[in-house]
Amino acid sequence: MTQHASLSPERWSEFTRDQQILMIGNEMNRASRLIQRTDRPGLLLAYERVLRLVDLTIEVQAGYGIRRELLRWRDLIAEMYISPEIPAAGQHGAVFRALLQLTPAAAQQIPFVLAR
């Protein structure tokens, strides 16, 4: 069972969209460190947590536009999850950046978590 398996949609909907995206981003940041350590089992667990939080966000968001973008973004994570190889740090970083660009508050974190 993953860490967020018991998190209900009702509880998740209490967070703002910015908070939801930032919490998904937190899991992506953890995954970034696991990629650096080439910890595939840990990375898979991190991606499972990301997928769970994205699914919850899609479920509770009323706006069609944000749901559509999250569904597209989810496909990127799912592709990296099922890949037999650890994704390149650059690939993961590009997907992470795309997530953070979904809300203004999350985008402000880009210089801190994706410094080049």
PDB file of N, CA and C in Angstrom:
ATOM      1  N   MET A   1       0.854  -1.188   0.000  1.00  0.00           N
ATOM      2  CA  MET A   1       0.000   0.000   0.000  1.00  0.00           C
ATOM      3  C   MET A   1       0.895   1.244   0.000  1.00  0.00           C
ATOM      4  N   THR A   2       0.566   2.180  -0.864  1.00  0.00           N
ATOM      5  CA  THR A   2       1.366   3.394  -0.935  1.00  0.00           C
ATOM      6  C   THR A   2       0.978   4.360   0.176  1.00  0.00           C
ATOM      7  N   GLN A   3       1.832   5.318   0.386  1.00  0.00           N
ATOM      8  CA  GLN A   3       1.667   6.272   1.474  1.00  0.00           C
ATOM      9  C   GLN A   3       0.332   7.015   1.434  1.00  0.00           C
ATOM     10  N   HIS A   4      -0.154   7.361   0.257  1.00  0.00           N
ATOM     11  CA  HIS A   4      -1.361   8.167   0.140  1.00  0.00           C
ATOM     12  C   HIS A   4      -2.601   7.354  -0.193  1.00  0.00           C
ATOM     13  N   ALA A   5      -2.527   6.039  -0.060  1.00  0.00           N
ATOM     14  CA  ALA A   5      -3.640   5.175  -0.458  1.00  0.00           C
ATOM     15  C   ALA A   5      -4.913   5.453   0.336  1.00  0.00           C
ATOM     16  N   SER A   6      -4.781   5.870   1.574  1.00  0.00           N
ATOM     17  CA  SER A   6      -5.969   6.100   2.401  1.00  0.00           C
ATOM     18  C   SER A   6      -6.463   7.547   2.346  1.00  0.00           C
ATOM     19  N   LEU A   7      -5.795   8.389   1.577  1.00  0.00           N
ATOM     20  CA  LEU A   7      -6.204   9.787   1.456  1.00  0.00           C
ATOM     21  C   LEU A   7      -7.488   9.863   0.647  1.00  0.00           C
ATOM     22  N   SER A   8      -8.529  10.417   1.235  1.00  0.00           N
ATOM     23  CA  SER A   8      -9.833  10.467   0.565  1.00  0.00           C
ATOM     24  C   SER A   8      -9.943  11.690  -0.339  1.00  0.00           C
ATOM     25  N   PRO A   9     -10.778  11.596  -1.361  1.00  0.00           N
ATOM     26  CA  PRO A   9     -11.027  12.764  -2.205  1.00  0.00           C
ATOM     27  C   PRO A   9     -11.585  13.943  -1.395  1.00  0.00           C
ATOM     28  N   GLU A  10     -12.379  13.653  -0.409  1.00  0.00           N
ATOM     29  CA  GLU A  10     -12.947  14.718   0.427  1.00  0.00           C
ATOM     30  C   GLU A  10     -11.843  15.485   1.149  1.00  0.00           C
ATOM     31  N   ARG A  11     -10.897  14.754   1.710  1.00  0.00           N
ATOM     32  CA  ARG A  11      -9.780  15.395   2.407  1.00  0.00           C
ATOM     33  C   ARG A  11      -8.904  16.156   1.416  1.00  0.00           C
ATOM     34  N   TRP A  12      -8.622  15.546   0.272  1.00  0.00           N
ATOM     35  CA  TRP A  12      -7.765  16.172  -0.732  1.00  0.00           C
ATOM     36  C   TRP A  12      -8.403  17.457  -1.267  1.00  0.00           C
ATOM     37  N   SER A  13      -9.710  17.467  -1.393  1.00  0.00           N
ATOM     38  CA  SER A  13     -10.398  18.645  -1.934  1.00  0.00           C
ATOM     39  C   SER A  13     -10.354  19.833  -0.975  1.00  0.00           C
ATOM     40  N   GLU A  14      -9.962  19.610   0.261  1.00  0.00           N
ATOM     41  CA  GLU A  14      -9.831  20.709   1.220  1.00  0.00           C
ATOM     42  C   GLU A  14      -8.602  21.573   0.920  1.00  0.00           C
ATOM     43  N   PHE A  15      -7.671  21.035   0.155  1.00  0.00           N
ATOM     44  CA  PHE A  15      -6.479  21.791  -0.220  1.00  0.00           C
ATOM     45  C   PHE A  15      -6.771  22.598  -1.482  1.00  0.00           C
ATOM     46  N   THR A  16      -6.132  23.742  -1.613  1.00  0.00           N
ATOM     47  CA  THR A  16      -6.286  24.545  -2.817  1.00  0.00           C
ATOM     48  C   THR A  16      -5.567  23.853  -3.981  1.00  0.00           C
ATOM     49  N   ARG A  17      -5.877  24.275  -5.186  1.00  0.00           N
ATOM     50  CA  ARG A  17      -5.203  23.720  -6.363  1.00  0.00           C
ATOM     51  C   ARG A  17      -3.691  23.935  -6.252  1.00  0.00           C
ATOM     52  N   ASP A  18      -3.282  25.121  -5.814  1.00  0.00           N
ATOM     53  CA  ASP A  18      -1.851  25.383  -5.628  1.00  0.00           C
ATOM     54  C   ASP A  18      -1.233  24.386  -4.654  1.00  0.00           C
ATOM     55  N   GLN A  19      -1.886  24.153  -3.539  1.00  0.00           N
ATOM     56  CA  GLN A  19      -1.365  23.220  -2.546  1.00  0.00           C
ATOM     57  C   GLN A  19      -1.291  21.803  -3.113  1.00  0.00           C
ATOM     58  N   GLN A  20      -2.297  21.407  -3.862  1.00  0.00           N
ATOM     59  CA  GLN A  20      -2.294  20.070  -4.454  1.00  0.00           C
ATOM     60  C   GLN A  20      -1.109  19.902  -5.410  1.00  0.00           C
ATOM     61  N   ILE A  21      -0.912  20.878  -6.282  1.00  0.00           N
ATOM     62  CA  ILE A  21       0.202  20.802  -7.236  1.00  0.00           C
ATOM     63  C   ILE A  21       1.535  20.815  -6.497  1.00  0.00           C
ATOM     64  N   LEU A  22       1.642  21.630  -5.459  1.00  0.00           N
ATOM     65  CA  LEU A  22       2.887  21.675  -4.690  1.00  0.00           C
ATOM     66  C   LEU A  22       3.157  20.359  -3.960  1.00  0.00           C
ATOM     67  N   MET A  23       2.124  19.693  -3.488  1.00  0.00           N
ATOM     68  CA  MET A  23       2.332  18.408  -2.817  1.00  0.00           C
ATOM     69  C   MET A  23       2.732  17.329  -3.817  1.00  0.00           C
ATOM     70  N   ILE A  24       2.169  17.375  -5.016  1.00  0.00           N
ATOM     71  CA  ILE A  24       2.629  16.462  -6.069  1.00  0.00           C
ATOM     72  C   ILE A  24       4.086  16.786  -6.387  1.00  0.00           C
ATOM     73  N   GLY A  25       4.400  18.073  -6.466  1.00  0.00           N
ATOM     74  CA  GLY A  25       5.768  18.505  -6.710  1.00  0.00           C
ATOM     75  C   GLY A  25       6.729  18.023  -5.645  1.00  0.00           C
ATOM     76  N   ASN A  26       6.278  17.976  -4.414  1.00  0.00           N
ATOM     77  CA  ASN A  26       7.118  17.469  -3.331  1.00  0.00           C
ATOM     78  C   ASN A  26       7.515  16.016  -3.593  1.00  0.00           C
ATOM     79  N   GLU A  27       6.562  15.214  -4.055  1.00  0.00           N
ATOM     80  CA  GLU A  27       6.870  13.818  -4.382  1.00  0.00           C
ATOM     81  C   GLU A  27       7.811  13.740  -5.587  1.00  0.00           C
ATOM     82  N   MET A  28       7.623  14.634  -6.557  1.00  0.00           N
ATOM     83  CA  MET A  28       8.523  14.666  -7.715  1.00  0.00           C
ATOM     84  C   MET A  28       9.940  15.053  -7.277  1.00  0.00           C
ATOM     85  N   ASN A  29      10.040  15.950  -6.318  1.00  0.00           N
ATOM     86  CA  ASN A  29      11.356  16.347  -5.806  1.00  0.00           C
ATOM     87  C   ASN A  29      12.034  15.160  -5.122  1.00  0.00           C
ATOM     88  N   ARG A  30      11.273  14.395  -4.367  1.00  0.00           N
ATOM     89  CA  ARG A  30      11.832  13.182  -3.754  1.00  0.00           C
ATOM     90  C   ARG A  30      12.325  12.228  -4.840  1.00  0.00           C
ATOM     91  N   ALA A  31      11.526  12.089  -5.892  1.00  0.00           N
ATOM     92  CA  ALA A  31      11.904  11.208  -6.996  1.00  0.00           C
ATOM     93  C   ALA A  31      13.206  11.684  -7.646  1.00  0.00           C
ATOM     94  N   SER A  32      13.392  12.991  -7.732  1.00  0.00           N
ATOM     95  CA  SER A  32      14.629  13.534  -8.313  1.00  0.00           C
ATOM     96  C   SER A  32      15.853  13.025  -7.562  1.00  0.00           C
ATOM     97  N   ARG A  33      15.776  13.027  -6.254  1.00  0.00           N
ATOM     98  CA  ARG A  33      16.899  12.539  -5.448  1.00  0.00           C
ATOM     99  C   ARG A  33      17.124  11.041  -5.649  1.00  0.00           C
ATOM    100  N   LEU A  34      16.041  10.301  -5.824  1.00  0.00           N
ATOM    101  CA  LEU A  34      16.163   8.853  -6.031  1.00  0.00           C
ATOM    102  C   LEU A  34      16.781   8.541  -7.388  1.00  0.00           C
ATOM    103  N   ILE A  35      16.505   9.366  -8.379  1.00  0.00           N
ATOM    104  CA  ILE A  35      17.134   9.196  -9.689  1.00  0.00           C
ATOM    105  C   ILE A  35      18.640   9.396  -9.556  1.00  0.00           C
ATOM    106  N   GLN A  36      19.050  10.408  -8.811  1.00  0.00           N
ATOM    107  CA  GLN A  36      20.476  10.673  -8.613  1.00  0.00           C
ATOM    108  C   GLN A  36      21.176   9.502  -7.936  1.00  0.00           C
ATOM    109  N   ARG A  37      20.450   8.815  -7.066  1.00  0.00           N
ATOM    110  CA  ARG A  37      21.031   7.668  -6.352  1.00  0.00           C
ATOM    111  C   ARG A  37      20.827   6.355  -7.103  1.00  0.00           C
ATOM    112  N   THR A  38      20.198   6.413  -8.263  1.00  0.00           N
ATOM    113  CA  THR A  38      19.826   5.232  -9.060  1.00  0.00           C
ATOM    114  C   THR A  38      19.090   4.187  -8.215  1.00  0.00           C
ATOM    115  N   ASP A  39      18.179   4.667  -7.398  1.00  0.00           N
ATOM    116  CA  ASP A  39      17.367   3.808  -6.530  1.00  0.00           C
ATOM    117  C   ASP A  39      16.044   3.508  -7.243  1.00  0.00           C
ATOM    118  N   ARG A  40      16.058   2.514  -8.131  1.00  0.00           N
ATOM    119  CA  ARG A  40      14.855   2.193  -8.909  1.00  0.00           C
ATOM    120  C   ARG A  40      13.667   1.779  -8.047  1.00  0.00           C
ATOM    121  N   PRO A  41      13.836   0.891  -7.058  1.00  0.00           N
ATOM    122  CA  PRO A  41      12.674   0.530  -6.227  1.00  0.00           C
ATOM    123  C   PRO A  41      12.069   1.745  -5.515  1.00  0.00           C
ATOM    124  N   GLY A  42      12.914   2.601  -4.988  1.00  0.00           N
ATOM    125  CA  GLY A  42      12.426   3.808  -4.329  1.00  0.00           C
ATOM    126  C   GLY A  42      11.754   4.748  -5.306  1.00  0.00           C
ATOM    127  N   LEU A  43      12.314   4.850  -6.510  1.00  0.00           N
ATOM    128  CA  LEU A  43      11.736   5.709  -7.541  1.00  0.00           C
ATOM    129  C   LEU A  43      10.349   5.225  -7.941  1.00  0.00           C
ATOM    130  N   LEU A  44      10.190   3.921  -8.078  1.00  0.00           N
ATOM    131  CA  LEU A  44       8.869   3.386  -8.432  1.00  0.00           C
ATOM    132  C   LEU A  44       7.839   3.722  -7.363  1.00  0.00           C
ATOM    133  N   LEU A  45       8.231   3.624  -6.107  1.00  0.00           N
ATOM    134  CA  LEU A  45       7.315   3.993  -5.024  1.00  0.00           C
ATOM    135  C   LEU A  45       6.977   5.479  -5.070  1.00  0.00           C
ATOM    136  N   ALA A  46       7.963   6.299  -5.367  1.00  0.00           N
ATOM    137  CA  ALA A  46       7.721   7.741  -5.472  1.00  0.00           C
ATOM    138  C   ALA A  46       6.748   8.034  -6.607  1.00  0.00           C
ATOM    139  N   TYR A  47       6.950   7.389  -7.748  1.00  0.00           N
ATOM    140  CA  TYR A  47       6.042   7.598  -8.875  1.00  0.00           C
ATOM    141  C   TYR A  47       4.631   7.083  -8.557  1.00  0.00           C
ATOM    142  N   GLU A  48       4.530   6.012  -7.777  1.00  0.00           N
ATOM    143  CA  GLU A  48       3.203   5.541  -7.348  1.00  0.00           C
ATOM    144  C   GLU A  48       2.500   6.608  -6.506  1.00  0.00           C
ATOM    145  N   ARG A  49       3.257   7.251  -5.616  1.00  0.00           N
ATOM    146  CA  ARG A  49       2.673   8.320  -4.798  1.00  0.00           C
ATOM    147  C   ARG A  49       2.262   9.498  -5.676  1.00  0.00           C
ATOM    148  N   VAL A  50       3.087   9.841  -6.652  1.00  0.00           N
ATOM    149  CA  VAL A  50       2.754  10.926  -7.576  1.00  0.00           C
ATOM    150  C   VAL A  50       1.467  10.592  -8.316  1.00  0.00           C
ATOM    151  N   LEU A  51       1.380   9.387  -8.848  1.00  0.00           N
ATOM    152  CA  LEU A  51       0.186   8.986  -9.593  1.00  0.00           C
ATOM    153  C   LEU A  51      -1.064   9.032  -8.720  1.00  0.00           C
ATOM    154  N   ARG A  52      -0.940   8.606  -7.487  1.00  0.00           N
ATOM    155  CA  ARG A  52      -2.085   8.638  -6.571  1.00  0.00           C
ATOM    156  C   ARG A  52      -2.556  10.073  -6.348  1.00  0.00           C
ATOM    157  N   LEU A  53      -1.627  10.980  -6.091  1.00  0.00           N
ATOM    158  CA  LEU A  53      -2.006  12.367  -5.848  1.00  0.00           C
ATOM    159  C   LEU A  53      -2.557  13.036  -7.105  1.00  0.00           C
ATOM    160  N   VAL A  54      -2.009  12.710  -8.244  1.00  0.00           N
ATOM    161  CA  VAL A  54      -2.535  13.259  -9.498  1.00  0.00           C
ATOM    162  C   VAL A  54      -3.954  12.749  -9.730  1.00  0.00           C
ATOM    163  N   ASP A  55      -4.166  11.461  -9.499  1.00  0.00           N
ATOM    164  CA  ASP A  55      -5.517  10.908  -9.662  1.00  0.00           C
ATOM    165  C   ASP A  55      -6.520  11.600  -8.743  1.00  0.00           C
ATOM    166  N   LEU A  56      -6.127  11.843  -7.513  1.00  0.00           N
ATOM    167  CA  LEU A  56      -7.009  12.558  -6.584  1.00  0.00           C
ATOM    168  C   LEU A  56      -7.289  13.976  -7.076  1.00  0.00           C
ATOM    169  N   THR A  57      -6.266  14.634  -7.569  1.00  0.00           N
ATOM    170  CA  THR A  57      -6.426  16.007  -8.049  1.00  0.00           C
ATOM    171  C   THR A  57      -7.369  16.042  -9.241  1.00  0.00           C
ATOM    172  N   ILE A  58      -7.205  15.120 -10.165  1.00  0.00           N
ATOM    173  CA  ILE A  58      -8.099  15.039 -11.320  1.00  0.00           C
ATOM    174  C   ILE A  58      -9.528  14.805 -10.854  1.00  0.00           C
ATOM    175  N   GLU A  59      -9.684  13.960  -9.858  1.00  0.00           N
ATOM    176  CA  GLU A  59     -11.022  13.628  -9.355  1.00  0.00           C
ATOM    177  C   GLU A  59     -11.723  14.818  -8.718  1.00  0.00           C
ATOM    178  N   VAL A  60     -10.980  15.665  -8.013  1.00  0.00           N
ATOM    179  CA  VAL A  60     -11.639  16.732  -7.249  1.00  0.00           C
ATOM    180  C   VAL A  60     -11.674  18.083  -7.950  1.00  0.00           C
ATOM    181  N   GLN A  61     -10.926  18.239  -9.038  1.00  0.00           N
ATOM    182  CA  GLN A  61     -10.923  19.534  -9.727  1.00  0.00           C
ATOM    183  C   GLN A  61     -12.133  19.643 -10.646  1.00  0.00           C
ATOM    184  N   ALA A  62     -12.826  20.752 -10.544  1.00  0.00           N
ATOM    185  CA  ALA A  62     -14.031  20.961 -11.351  1.00  0.00           C
ATOM    186  C   ALA A  62     -13.714  21.478 -12.751  1.00  0.00           C
ATOM    187  N   GLY A  63     -12.596  22.156 -12.905  1.00  0.00           N
ATOM    188  CA  GLY A  63     -12.269  22.772 -14.187  1.00  0.00           C
ATOM    189  C   GLY A  63     -11.816  21.767 -15.226  1.00  0.00           C
ATOM    190  N   TYR A  64     -12.434  21.811 -16.399  1.00  0.00           N
ATOM    191  CA  TYR A  64     -12.079  20.899 -17.486  1.00  0.00           C
ATOM    192  C   TYR A  64     -10.628  21.091 -17.924  1.00  0.00           C
ATOM    193  N   GLY A  65     -10.187  22.339 -18.018  1.00  0.00           N
ATOM    194  CA  GLY A  65      -8.840  22.630 -18.502  1.00  0.00           C
ATOM    195  C   GLY A  65      -7.759  22.011 -17.634  1.00  0.00           C
ATOM    196  N   ILE A  66      -7.854  22.184 -16.335  1.00  0.00           N
ATOM    197  CA  ILE A  66      -6.821  21.644 -15.440  1.00  0.00           C
ATOM    198  C   ILE A  66      -6.862  20.119 -15.440  1.00  0.00           C
ATOM    199  N   ARG A  67      -8.053  19.549 -15.494  1.00  0.00           N
ATOM    200  CA  ARG A  67      -8.142  18.077 -15.545  1.00  0.00           C
ATOM    201  C   ARG A  67      -7.505  17.546 -16.825  1.00  0.00           C
ATOM    202  N   ARG A  68      -7.768  18.202 -17.948  1.00  0.00           N
ATOM    203  CA  ARG A  68      -7.194  17.779 -19.226  1.00  0.00           C
ATOM    204  C   ARG A  68      -5.667  17.829 -19.160  1.00  0.00           C
ATOM    205  N   GLU A  69      -5.124  18.935 -18.632  1.00  0.00           N
ATOM    206  CA  GLU A  69      -3.668  19.069 -18.549  1.00  0.00           C
ATOM    207  C   GLU A  69      -3.059  18.045 -17.592  1.00  0.00           C
ATOM    208  N   LEU A  70      -3.732  17.796 -16.481  1.00  0.00           N
ATOM    209  CA  LEU A  70      -3.223  16.796 -15.538  1.00  0.00           C
ATOM    210  C   LEU A  70      -3.274  15.391 -16.128  1.00  0.00           C
ATOM    211  N   LEU A  71      -4.305  15.101 -16.906  1.00  0.00           N
ATOM    212  CA  LEU A  71      -4.366  13.788 -17.557  1.00  0.00           C
ATOM    213  C   LEU A  71      -3.221  13.616 -18.551  1.00  0.00           C
ATOM    214  N   ARG A  72      -2.923  14.660 -19.297  1.00  0.00           N
ATOM    215  CA  ARG A  72      -1.780  14.603 -20.211  1.00  0.00           C
ATOM    216  C   ARG A  72      -0.478  14.428 -19.441  1.00  0.00           C
ATOM    217  N   TRP A  73      -0.350  15.190 -18.348  1.00  0.00           N
ATOM    218  CA  TRP A  73       0.866  15.126 -17.540  1.00  0.00           C
ATOM    219  C   TRP A  73       0.999  13.746 -16.906  1.00  0.00           C
ATOM    220  N   ARG A  74      -0.120  13.178 -16.468  1.00  0.00           N
ATOM    221  CA  ARG A  74      -0.116  11.854 -15.848  1.00  0.00           C
ATOM    222  C   ARG A  74       0.451  10.809 -16.796  1.00  0.00           C
ATOM    223  N   ASP A  75       0.130  10.932 -18.085  1.00  0.00           N
ATOM    224  CA  ASP A  75       0.658   9.987 -19.066  1.00  0.00           C
ATOM    225  C   ASP A  75       2.187   9.989 -19.083  1.00  0.00           C
ATOM    226  N   LEU A  76       2.789  11.155 -18.894  1.00  0.00           N
ATOM    227  CA  LEU A  76       4.249  11.244 -18.868  1.00  0.00           C
ATOM    228  C   LEU A  76       4.831  10.479 -17.684  1.00  0.00           C
ATOM    229  N   ILE A  77       4.203  10.643 -16.527  1.00  0.00           N
ATOM    230  CA  ILE A  77       4.669   9.930 -15.325  1.00  0.00           C
ATOM    231  C   ILE A  77       4.449   8.433 -15.488  1.00  0.00           C
ATOM    232  N   ALA A  78       3.298   8.054 -16.008  1.00  0.00           N
ATOM    233  CA  ALA A  78       3.008   6.631 -16.200  1.00  0.00           C
ATOM    234  C   ALA A  78       4.022   5.996 -17.145  1.00  0.00           C
ATOM    235  N   GLU A  79       4.411   6.726 -18.175  1.00  0.00           N
ATOM    236  CA  GLU A  79       5.409   6.214 -19.117  1.00  0.00           C
ATOM    237  C   GLU A  79       6.752   5.995 -18.414  1.00  0.00           C
ATOM    238  N   MET A  80       7.157   6.930 -17.574  1.00  0.00           N
ATOM    239  CA  MET A  80       8.419   6.766 -16.847  1.00  0.00           C
ATOM    240  C   MET A  80       8.302   5.640 -15.824  1.00  0.00           C
ATOM    241  N   TYR A  81       7.116   5.477 -15.239  1.00  0.00           N
ATOM    242  CA  TYR A  81       6.892   4.434 -14.238  1.00  0.00           C
ATOM    243  C   TYR A  81       7.048   3.039 -14.842  1.00  0.00           C
ATOM    244  N   ILE A  82       6.507   2.837 -16.029  1.00  0.00           N
ATOM    245  CA  ILE A  82       6.556   1.490 -16.615  1.00  0.00           C
ATOM    246  C   ILE A  82       7.847   1.220 -17.391  1.00  0.00           C
ATOM    247  N   SER A  83       8.652   2.233 -17.587  1.00  0.00           N
ATOM    248  CA  SER A  83       9.901   2.054 -18.305  1.00  0.00           C
ATOM    249  C   SER A  83      10.827   1.108 -17.541  1.00  0.00           C
ATOM    250  N   PRO A  84      11.507   0.216 -18.248  1.00  0.00           N
ATOM    251  CA  PRO A  84      12.437  -0.680 -17.549  1.00  0.00           C
ATOM    252  C   PRO A  84      13.704   0.027 -17.064  1.00  0.00           C
ATOM    253  N   GLU A  85      13.938   1.224 -17.566  1.00  0.00           N
ATOM    254  CA  GLU A  85      15.130   1.983 -17.194  1.00  0.00           C
ATOM    255  C   GLU A  85      14.757   3.164 -16.297  1.00  0.00           C
ATOM    256  N   ILE A  86      15.692   3.586 -15.472  1.00  0.00           N
ATOM    257  CA  ILE A  86      15.507   4.816 -14.704  1.00  0.00           C
ATOM    258  C   ILE A  86      15.545   5.969 -15.693  1.00  0.00           C
ATOM    259  N   PRO A  87      14.578   6.879 -15.621  1.00  0.00           N
ATOM    260  CA  PRO A  87      14.601   7.989 -16.584  1.00  0.00           C
ATOM    261  C   PRO A  87      15.827   8.875 -16.368  1.00  0.00           C
ATOM    262  N   ALA A  88      16.235   9.512 -17.441  1.00  0.00           N
ATOM    263  CA  ALA A  88      17.339  10.462 -17.339  1.00  0.00           C
ATOM    264  C   ALA A  88      16.899  11.623 -16.460  1.00  0.00           C
ATOM    265  N   ALA A  89      17.841  12.192 -15.745  1.00  0.00           N
ATOM    266  CA  ALA A  89      17.525  13.322 -14.868  1.00  0.00           C
ATOM    267  C   ALA A  89      16.892  14.459 -15.660  1.00  0.00           C
ATOM    268  N   GLY A  90      17.347  14.680 -16.882  1.00  0.00           N
ATOM    269  CA  GLY A  90      16.796  15.743 -17.715  1.00  0.00           C
ATOM    270  C   GLY A  90      15.349  15.484 -18.098  1.00  0.00           C
ATOM    271  N   GLN A  91      15.021  14.234 -18.395  1.00  0.00           N
ATOM    272  CA  GLN A  91      13.641  13.882 -18.735  1.00  0.00           C
ATOM    273  C   GLN A  91      12.731  14.106 -17.527  1.00  0.00           C
ATOM    274  N   HIS A  92      13.154  13.613 -16.384  1.00  0.00           N
ATOM    275  CA  HIS A  92      12.377  13.791 -15.158  1.00  0.00           C
ATOM    276  C   HIS A  92      12.226  15.281 -14.851  1.00  0.00           C
ATOM    277  N   GLY A  93      13.306  16.029 -14.992  1.00  0.00           N
ATOM    278  CA  GLY A  93      13.270  17.462 -14.718  1.00  0.00           C
ATOM    279  C   GLY A  93      12.304  18.202 -15.628  1.00  0.00           C
ATOM    280  N   ALA A  94      12.253  17.830 -16.894  1.00  0.00           N
ATOM    281  CA  ALA A  94      11.338  18.483 -17.834  1.00  0.00           C
ATOM    282  C   ALA A  94       9.883  18.206 -17.455  1.00  0.00           C
ATOM    283  N   VAL A  95       9.603  16.984 -17.040  1.00  0.00           N
ATOM    284  CA  VAL A  95       8.241  16.633 -16.622  1.00  0.00           C
ATOM    285  C   VAL A  95       7.898  17.357 -15.320  1.00  0.00           C
ATOM    286  N   PHE A  96       8.845  17.432 -14.412  1.00  0.00           N
ATOM    287  CA  PHE A  96       8.668  18.142 -13.144  1.00  0.00           C
ATOM    288  C   PHE A  96       8.378  19.624 -13.417  1.00  0.00           C
ATOM    289  N   ARG A  97       9.126  20.220 -14.318  1.00  0.00           N
ATOM    290  CA  ARG A  97       8.929  21.632 -14.674  1.00  0.00           C
ATOM    291  C   ARG A  97       7.520  21.855 -15.237  1.00  0.00           C
ATOM    292  N   ALA A  98       7.085  20.948 -16.097  1.00  0.00           N
ATOM    293  CA  ALA A  98       5.745  21.075 -16.684  1.00  0.00           C
ATOM    294  C   ALA A  98       4.669  21.063 -15.595  1.00  0.00           C
ATOM    295  N   LEU A  99       4.853  20.222 -14.590  1.00  0.00           N
ATOM    296  CA  LEU A  99       3.903  20.198 -13.475  1.00  0.00           C
ATOM    297  C   LEU A  99       3.880  21.537 -12.756  1.00  0.00           C
ATOM    298  N   LEU A 100       5.050  22.028 -12.402  1.00  0.00           N
ATOM    299  CA  LEU A 100       5.120  23.268 -11.635  1.00  0.00           C
ATOM    300  C   LEU A 100       4.589  24.467 -12.409  1.00  0.00           C
ATOM    301  N   GLN A 101       4.578  24.399 -13.710  1.00  0.00           N
ATOM    302  CA  GLN A 101       4.060  25.496 -14.513  1.00  0.00           C
ATOM    303  C   GLN A 101       2.533  25.517 -14.588  1.00  0.00           C
ATOM    304  N   LEU A 102       1.886  24.559 -13.961  1.00  0.00           N
ATOM    305  CA  LEU A 102       0.423  24.510 -13.997  1.00  0.00           C
ATOM    306  C   LEU A 102      -0.245  25.574 -13.131  1.00  0.00           C
ATOM    307  N   THR A 103       0.451  26.064 -12.105  1.00  0.00           N
ATOM    308  CA  THR A 103      -0.124  27.132 -11.269  1.00  0.00           C
ATOM    309  C   THR A 103       0.960  28.170 -10.971  1.00  0.00           C
ATOM    310  N   PRO A 104       0.555  29.430 -10.804  1.00  0.00           N
ATOM    311  CA  PRO A 104       1.545  30.473 -10.516  1.00  0.00           C
ATOM    312  C   PRO A 104       2.338  30.221  -9.231  1.00  0.00           C
ATOM    313  N   ALA A 105       1.681  29.764  -8.183  1.00  0.00           N
ATOM    314  CA  ALA A 105       2.382  29.521  -6.920  1.00  0.00           C
ATOM    315  C   ALA A 105       3.422  28.416  -7.074  1.00  0.00           C
ATOM    316  N   ALA A 106       3.071  27.375  -7.803  1.00  0.00           N
ATOM    317  CA  ALA A 106       4.022  26.285  -8.014  1.00  0.00           C
ATOM    318  C   ALA A 106       5.172  26.734  -8.907  1.00  0.00           C
ATOM    319  N   ALA A 107       4.875  27.532  -9.911  1.00  0.00           N
ATOM    320  CA  ALA A 107       5.917  28.013 -10.829  1.00  0.00           C
ATOM    321  C   ALA A 107       6.984  28.814 -10.095  1.00  0.00           C
ATOM    322  N   GLN A 108       6.625  29.469  -9.014  1.00  0.00           N
ATOM    323  CA  GLN A 108       7.597  30.239  -8.236  1.00  0.00           C
ATOM    324  C   GLN A 108       8.661  29.349  -7.597  1.00  0.00           C
ATOM    325  N   GLN A 109       8.397  28.063  -7.500  1.00  0.00           N
ATOM    326  CA  GLN A 109       9.335  27.125  -6.879  1.00  0.00           C
ATOM    327  C   GLN A 109      10.394  26.605  -7.860  1.00  0.00           C
ATOM    328  N   ILE A 110      10.199  26.839  -9.141  1.00  0.00           N
ATOM    329  CA  ILE A 110      11.108  26.294 -10.150  1.00  0.00           C
ATOM    330  C   ILE A 110      12.576  26.651  -9.886  1.00  0.00           C
ATOM    331  N   PRO A 111      12.905  27.900  -9.569  1.00  0.00           N
ATOM    332  CA  PRO A 111      14.326  28.209  -9.338  1.00  0.00           C
ATOM    333  C   PRO A 111      14.930  27.452  -8.146  1.00  0.00           C
ATOM    334  N   PHE A 112      14.109  27.042  -7.217  1.00  0.00           N
ATOM    335  CA  PHE A 112      14.609  26.378  -6.007  1.00  0.00           C
ATOM    336  C   PHE A 112      14.771  24.866  -6.184  1.00  0.00           C
ATOM    337  N   VAL A 113      13.905  24.251  -6.988  1.00  0.00           N
ATOM    338  CA  VAL A 113      13.961  22.793  -7.122  1.00  0.00           C
ATOM    339  C   VAL A 113      14.515  22.336  -8.458  1.00  0.00           C
ATOM    340  N   LEU A 114      14.585  23.230  -9.424  1.00  0.00           N
ATOM    341  CA  LEU A 114      15.084  22.868 -10.747  1.00  0.00           C
ATOM    342  C   LEU A 114      16.176  23.823 -11.205  1.00  0.00           C
ATOM    343  N   ALA A 115      17.009  24.234 -10.288  1.00  0.00           N
ATOM    344  CA  ALA A 115      18.085  25.174 -10.623  1.00  0.00           C
ATOM    345  C   ALA A 115      19.010  24.550 -11.643  1.00  0.00           C
ATOM    346  N   ARG A 116      19.386  25.319 -12.608  1.00  0.00           N
ATOM    347  CA  ARG A 116      20.295  24.820 -13.659  1.00  0.00           C
ATOM    348  C   ARG A 116      21.645  25.426 -13.502  1.00  0.00           C
TER     349      ARG A 116
END
